[in-house]
């Protein structure tokens, strides 16, 4: 599995760069599980979330062509939790080949990913 940890405020360009790097890693490694650790995330630009759903996710699913499981460790911030849930709902509407769930800690996320 891969783990991506977001801390503090994440700017649009930084967000895009990290996601593109993640995709490059995914091209070379046959992983099917990802943990997004959002616990310490305090702010993301709405444009970054829109880019993720509208541009990055379709590109990643086409490029990888495999089912994925994503475990997200919930942000402490209520606002960021709501923002993350909006991204998850948009992802479900797109019917991409991924299953996502939220968790309060890493151990619970790992237990679900590898059950």
N, C-alpha and C. Protein backbone atom coordinates (compact mmCIF):
# COMPACT_ATOMS: atom_id res chain seq x y z
N UNK A 1 0.83 -1.18 0.00
CA UNK A 1 0.00 0.00 0.00
C UNK A 1 0.87 1.24 0.00
N UNK A 2 0.29 2.34 -0.40
CA UNK A 2 0.94 3.64 -0.31
C UNK A 2 0.18 4.49 0.69
N UNK A 3 0.91 5.41 1.32
CA UNK A 3 0.27 6.33 2.26
C UNK A 3 0.63 7.75 1.88
N UNK A 4 -0.38 8.59 1.85
CA UNK A 4 -0.19 10.01 1.57
C UNK A 4 -0.70 10.78 2.78
N UNK A 5 0.18 11.58 3.38
CA UNK A 5 -0.19 12.35 4.56
C UNK A 5 -0.23 13.83 4.19
N UNK A 6 -1.35 14.48 4.46
CA UNK A 6 -1.50 15.90 4.19
C UNK A 6 -1.55 16.64 5.53
N UNK A 7 -0.73 17.68 5.63
CA UNK A 7 -0.62 18.43 6.88
C UNK A 7 -0.77 19.92 6.59
N UNK A 8 -1.57 20.58 7.43
CA UNK A 8 -1.72 22.03 7.32
C UNK A 8 -2.52 22.45 6.11
N UNK A 9 -2.14 23.57 5.53
CA UNK A 9 -2.81 24.12 4.36
C UNK A 9 -2.11 23.60 3.11
N UNK A 10 -2.88 23.06 2.17
CA UNK A 10 -2.32 22.53 0.94
C UNK A 10 -2.79 23.42 -0.22
N UNK A 11 -1.84 24.03 -0.90
CA UNK A 11 -2.13 24.91 -2.03
C UNK A 11 -2.44 24.07 -3.28
N UNK A 12 -3.09 24.69 -4.26
CA UNK A 12 -3.51 23.99 -5.47
C UNK A 12 -2.33 23.36 -6.20
N UNK A 13 -1.29 24.14 -6.47
CA UNK A 13 -0.14 23.61 -7.22
C UNK A 13 0.55 22.48 -6.46
N UNK A 14 0.67 22.63 -5.16
CA UNK A 14 1.28 21.60 -4.33
C UNK A 14 0.43 20.31 -4.38
N UNK A 15 -0.87 20.47 -4.29
CA UNK A 15 -1.80 19.34 -4.34
C UNK A 15 -1.65 18.59 -5.67
N UNK A 16 -1.64 19.35 -6.77
CA UNK A 16 -1.51 18.74 -8.09
C UNK A 16 -0.18 18.00 -8.24
N UNK A 17 0.89 18.62 -7.77
CA UNK A 17 2.21 18.03 -7.88
C UNK A 17 2.28 16.70 -7.12
N UNK A 18 1.76 16.68 -5.91
CA UNK A 18 1.79 15.47 -5.11
C UNK A 18 0.96 14.36 -5.76
N UNK A 19 -0.21 14.69 -6.24
CA UNK A 19 -1.06 13.68 -6.87
C UNK A 19 -0.43 13.12 -8.15
N UNK A 20 0.20 13.98 -8.94
CA UNK A 20 0.88 13.52 -10.15
C UNK A 20 2.06 12.61 -9.79
N UNK A 21 2.78 12.95 -8.73
CA UNK A 21 3.88 12.09 -8.27
C UNK A 21 3.35 10.74 -7.80
N UNK A 22 2.23 10.77 -7.12
CA UNK A 22 1.60 9.53 -6.66
C UNK A 22 1.23 8.64 -7.85
N UNK A 23 0.72 9.25 -8.90
CA UNK A 23 0.36 8.49 -10.11
C UNK A 23 1.61 7.89 -10.75
N UNK A 24 2.69 8.63 -10.80
CA UNK A 24 3.93 8.10 -11.37
C UNK A 24 4.43 6.89 -10.57
N UNK A 25 4.34 6.97 -9.26
CA UNK A 25 4.73 5.84 -8.42
C UNK A 25 3.82 4.65 -8.69
N UNK A 26 2.54 4.93 -8.82
CA UNK A 26 1.55 3.86 -9.04
C UNK A 26 1.78 3.13 -10.37
N UNK A 27 2.33 3.82 -11.34
CA UNK A 27 2.61 3.19 -12.63
C UNK A 27 3.67 2.10 -12.51
N UNK A 28 4.57 2.25 -11.54
CA UNK A 28 5.67 1.30 -11.42
C UNK A 28 5.45 0.27 -10.33
N UNK A 29 4.54 0.53 -9.40
CA UNK A 29 4.27 -0.41 -8.31
C UNK A 29 2.85 -0.96 -8.43
N UNK A 30 2.67 -2.25 -8.22
CA UNK A 30 1.36 -2.85 -8.41
C UNK A 30 0.44 -2.76 -7.18
N UNK A 31 0.47 -1.66 -6.48
CA UNK A 31 -0.35 -1.56 -5.27
C UNK A 31 -1.83 -1.37 -5.63
N UNK A 32 -2.71 -1.78 -4.71
CA UNK A 32 -4.15 -1.60 -4.91
C UNK A 32 -4.79 -0.95 -3.69
N UNK A 33 -3.97 -0.53 -2.72
CA UNK A 33 -4.48 0.07 -1.49
C UNK A 33 -3.74 1.38 -1.22
N UNK A 34 -4.50 2.35 -0.76
CA UNK A 34 -3.95 3.67 -0.49
C UNK A 34 -4.56 4.22 0.78
N UNK A 35 -3.71 4.80 1.62
CA UNK A 35 -4.20 5.49 2.81
C UNK A 35 -3.95 6.98 2.62
N UNK A 36 -5.02 7.75 2.72
CA UNK A 36 -4.92 9.20 2.74
C UNK A 36 -5.04 9.61 4.21
N UNK A 37 -3.94 10.06 4.79
CA UNK A 37 -3.97 10.51 6.18
C UNK A 37 -4.25 12.01 6.18
N UNK A 38 -5.48 12.36 6.48
CA UNK A 38 -5.93 13.76 6.43
C UNK A 38 -6.09 14.35 7.83
N UNK A 39 -5.66 13.62 8.84
CA UNK A 39 -5.87 14.01 10.24
C UNK A 39 -5.42 15.44 10.54
N UNK A 40 -4.28 15.84 10.01
CA UNK A 40 -3.72 17.16 10.31
C UNK A 40 -3.95 18.17 9.19
N UNK A 41 -4.79 17.83 8.25
CA UNK A 41 -5.11 18.75 7.16
C UNK A 41 -6.01 19.86 7.69
N UNK A 42 -5.64 21.10 7.43
CA UNK A 42 -6.44 22.23 7.92
C UNK A 42 -7.16 22.99 6.82
N UNK A 43 -6.62 22.92 5.58
CA UNK A 43 -7.24 23.69 4.51
C UNK A 43 -6.79 23.19 3.15
N UNK A 44 -7.76 23.01 2.25
CA UNK A 44 -7.46 22.75 0.84
C UNK A 44 -8.31 23.68 0.01
N UNK A 45 -7.75 24.12 -1.07
CA UNK A 45 -8.46 25.01 -1.99
C UNK A 45 -9.54 24.22 -2.72
N UNK A 46 -10.75 24.76 -2.84
CA UNK A 46 -11.81 24.06 -3.58
C UNK A 46 -11.40 23.73 -5.02
N UNK A 47 -10.54 24.55 -5.60
CA UNK A 47 -10.07 24.27 -6.97
C UNK A 47 -9.24 23.00 -7.01
N UNK A 48 -8.51 22.70 -5.94
CA UNK A 48 -7.73 21.46 -5.87
C UNK A 48 -8.66 20.26 -5.83
N UNK A 49 -9.70 20.35 -5.04
CA UNK A 49 -10.66 19.24 -4.96
C UNK A 49 -11.37 19.04 -6.29
N UNK A 50 -11.74 20.13 -6.96
CA UNK A 50 -12.40 20.04 -8.27
C UNK A 50 -11.46 19.40 -9.30
N UNK A 51 -10.21 19.78 -9.28
CA UNK A 51 -9.22 19.21 -10.19
C UNK A 51 -9.06 17.71 -9.93
N UNK A 52 -9.03 17.32 -8.67
CA UNK A 52 -8.87 15.91 -8.31
C UNK A 52 -10.01 15.08 -8.90
N UNK A 53 -11.23 15.54 -8.69
CA UNK A 53 -12.39 14.78 -9.16
C UNK A 53 -12.55 14.86 -10.68
N UNK A 54 -12.40 16.04 -11.24
CA UNK A 54 -12.69 16.23 -12.66
C UNK A 54 -11.57 15.86 -13.61
N UNK A 55 -10.32 15.97 -13.16
CA UNK A 55 -9.18 15.74 -14.05
C UNK A 55 -8.32 14.55 -13.61
N UNK A 56 -7.86 14.62 -12.37
CA UNK A 56 -6.90 13.61 -11.92
C UNK A 56 -7.50 12.21 -11.80
N UNK A 57 -8.62 12.09 -11.14
CA UNK A 57 -9.19 10.77 -10.89
C UNK A 57 -9.50 10.01 -12.19
N UNK A 58 -10.17 10.64 -13.17
CA UNK A 58 -10.40 9.91 -14.43
C UNK A 58 -9.08 9.50 -15.11
N UNK A 59 -8.10 10.39 -15.08
CA UNK A 59 -6.79 10.08 -15.68
C UNK A 59 -6.13 8.91 -14.94
N UNK A 60 -6.15 8.94 -13.63
CA UNK A 60 -5.53 7.88 -12.84
C UNK A 60 -6.21 6.54 -13.07
N UNK A 61 -7.52 6.52 -13.11
CA UNK A 61 -8.24 5.26 -13.31
C UNK A 61 -7.97 4.69 -14.70
N UNK A 62 -7.89 5.56 -15.70
CA UNK A 62 -7.59 5.10 -17.06
C UNK A 62 -6.15 4.59 -17.15
N UNK A 63 -5.23 5.31 -16.54
CA UNK A 63 -3.82 4.94 -16.58
C UNK A 63 -3.56 3.64 -15.83
N UNK A 64 -4.14 3.49 -14.65
CA UNK A 64 -3.86 2.32 -13.82
C UNK A 64 -4.70 1.12 -14.20
N UNK A 65 -5.93 1.35 -14.60
CA UNK A 65 -6.85 0.29 -15.03
C UNK A 65 -6.87 -0.88 -14.04
N UNK A 66 -7.04 -0.55 -12.76
CA UNK A 66 -7.20 -1.58 -11.74
C UNK A 66 -8.07 -1.03 -10.61
N UNK A 67 -8.73 -1.93 -9.92
CA UNK A 67 -9.55 -1.51 -8.79
C UNK A 67 -8.67 -1.13 -7.62
N UNK A 68 -9.10 -0.09 -6.92
CA UNK A 68 -8.33 0.42 -5.79
C UNK A 68 -9.21 0.46 -4.55
N UNK A 69 -8.56 0.40 -3.41
CA UNK A 69 -9.23 0.64 -2.12
C UNK A 69 -8.51 1.81 -1.47
N UNK A 70 -9.29 2.80 -1.06
CA UNK A 70 -8.73 3.99 -0.41
C UNK A 70 -9.31 4.13 0.98
N UNK A 71 -8.43 4.17 1.95
CA UNK A 71 -8.83 4.39 3.34
C UNK A 71 -8.40 5.81 3.71
N UNK A 72 -9.34 6.58 4.21
CA UNK A 72 -9.04 7.96 4.57
C UNK A 72 -9.15 8.14 6.07
N UNK A 73 -8.07 8.62 6.66
CA UNK A 73 -8.10 8.95 8.08
C UNK A 73 -8.66 10.36 8.16
N UNK A 74 -9.78 10.48 8.84
CA UNK A 74 -10.55 11.72 8.83
C UNK A 74 -9.77 12.92 9.37
N UNK A 75 -9.98 14.08 8.74
CA UNK A 75 -9.39 15.31 9.27
C UNK A 75 -10.00 15.66 10.62
N UNK A 76 -9.22 16.32 11.45
CA UNK A 76 -9.73 16.79 12.74
C UNK A 76 -10.73 17.92 12.54
N UNK A 77 -10.52 18.73 11.52
CA UNK A 77 -11.38 19.87 11.22
C UNK A 77 -12.71 19.41 10.64
N UNK A 78 -13.79 19.85 11.24
CA UNK A 78 -15.13 19.51 10.74
C UNK A 78 -15.31 19.99 9.31
N UNK A 79 -14.84 21.19 9.00
CA UNK A 79 -14.98 21.73 7.65
C UNK A 79 -14.24 20.84 6.65
N UNK A 80 -13.03 20.41 6.99
CA UNK A 80 -12.27 19.55 6.08
C UNK A 80 -12.91 18.17 5.95
N UNK A 81 -13.56 17.70 7.01
CA UNK A 81 -14.30 16.44 6.91
C UNK A 81 -15.42 16.55 5.88
N UNK A 82 -16.14 17.67 5.94
CA UNK A 82 -17.23 17.89 4.98
C UNK A 82 -16.69 18.01 3.56
N UNK A 83 -15.57 18.68 3.39
CA UNK A 83 -14.96 18.83 2.07
C UNK A 83 -14.52 17.47 1.53
N UNK A 84 -13.91 16.66 2.39
CA UNK A 84 -13.48 15.33 1.97
C UNK A 84 -14.68 14.46 1.59
N UNK A 85 -15.75 14.58 2.32
CA UNK A 85 -16.96 13.80 2.01
C UNK A 85 -17.55 14.22 0.67
N UNK A 86 -17.47 15.50 0.34
CA UNK A 86 -17.96 15.96 -0.97
C UNK A 86 -17.15 15.33 -2.09
N UNK A 87 -15.84 15.23 -1.91
CA UNK A 87 -14.99 14.59 -2.92
C UNK A 87 -15.37 13.12 -3.05
N UNK A 88 -15.58 12.45 -1.93
CA UNK A 88 -15.96 11.04 -1.96
C UNK A 88 -17.28 10.84 -2.68
N UNK A 89 -18.26 11.68 -2.40
CA UNK A 89 -19.56 11.56 -3.07
C UNK A 89 -19.44 11.81 -4.58
N UNK A 90 -18.65 12.79 -4.96
CA UNK A 90 -18.44 13.06 -6.39
C UNK A 90 -17.76 11.88 -7.07
N UNK A 91 -16.83 11.26 -6.37
CA UNK A 91 -16.14 10.09 -6.90
C UNK A 91 -17.12 8.95 -7.13
N UNK A 92 -18.02 8.74 -6.20
CA UNK A 92 -19.03 7.68 -6.35
C UNK A 92 -19.92 7.93 -7.56
N UNK A 93 -20.29 9.18 -7.79
CA UNK A 93 -21.13 9.52 -8.94
C UNK A 93 -20.43 9.23 -10.27
N UNK A 94 -19.13 9.30 -10.27
CA UNK A 94 -18.35 9.05 -11.49
C UNK A 94 -18.18 7.55 -11.76
N UNK A 95 -18.52 6.74 -10.79
CA UNK A 95 -18.44 5.28 -10.91
C UNK A 95 -17.05 4.79 -11.28
N UNK A 96 -16.05 5.38 -10.63
CA UNK A 96 -14.68 4.92 -10.83
C UNK A 96 -14.47 3.62 -10.07
N UNK A 97 -13.43 2.89 -10.46
CA UNK A 97 -13.16 1.59 -9.86
C UNK A 97 -12.39 1.76 -8.55
N UNK A 98 -13.05 2.33 -7.56
CA UNK A 98 -12.41 2.49 -6.27
C UNK A 98 -13.45 2.38 -5.17
N UNK A 99 -13.03 1.83 -4.06
CA UNK A 99 -13.88 1.74 -2.87
C UNK A 99 -13.20 2.56 -1.79
N UNK A 100 -13.95 3.45 -1.18
CA UNK A 100 -13.37 4.35 -0.17
C UNK A 100 -14.15 4.29 1.13
N UNK A 101 -13.41 4.40 2.23
CA UNK A 101 -14.03 4.47 3.55
C UNK A 101 -13.23 5.41 4.44
N UNK A 102 -13.91 5.93 5.46
CA UNK A 102 -13.27 6.84 6.42
C UNK A 102 -13.01 6.12 7.73
N UNK A 103 -11.90 6.50 8.38
CA UNK A 103 -11.51 5.90 9.64
C UNK A 103 -10.96 6.97 10.57
N UNK A 104 -10.96 6.65 11.86
CA UNK A 104 -10.42 7.58 12.85
C UNK A 104 -8.94 7.39 13.10
N UNK A 105 -8.39 6.22 12.70
CA UNK A 105 -6.96 5.98 12.94
C UNK A 105 -6.40 5.03 11.88
N UNK A 106 -5.08 4.99 11.83
CA UNK A 106 -4.40 4.20 10.80
C UNK A 106 -4.63 2.70 10.97
N UNK A 107 -4.64 2.21 12.19
CA UNK A 107 -4.81 0.78 12.39
C UNK A 107 -6.16 0.30 11.86
N UNK A 108 -7.21 1.05 12.11
CA UNK A 108 -8.53 0.69 11.59
C UNK A 108 -8.53 0.71 10.06
N UNK A 109 -7.83 1.68 9.49
CA UNK A 109 -7.73 1.77 8.03
C UNK A 109 -7.01 0.55 7.46
N UNK A 110 -5.90 0.19 8.08
CA UNK A 110 -5.15 -0.99 7.62
C UNK A 110 -5.96 -2.27 7.77
N UNK A 111 -6.67 -2.40 8.88
CA UNK A 111 -7.51 -3.59 9.09
C UNK A 111 -8.52 -3.73 7.96
N UNK A 112 -9.15 -2.63 7.55
CA UNK A 112 -10.14 -2.69 6.48
C UNK A 112 -9.47 -2.97 5.13
N UNK A 113 -8.36 -2.30 4.86
CA UNK A 113 -7.70 -2.48 3.56
C UNK A 113 -7.28 -3.92 3.33
N UNK A 114 -6.88 -4.60 4.38
CA UNK A 114 -6.31 -5.94 4.21
C UNK A 114 -7.15 -7.05 4.83
N UNK A 115 -8.43 -6.81 4.97
CA UNK A 115 -9.32 -7.85 5.52
C UNK A 115 -9.54 -8.96 4.53
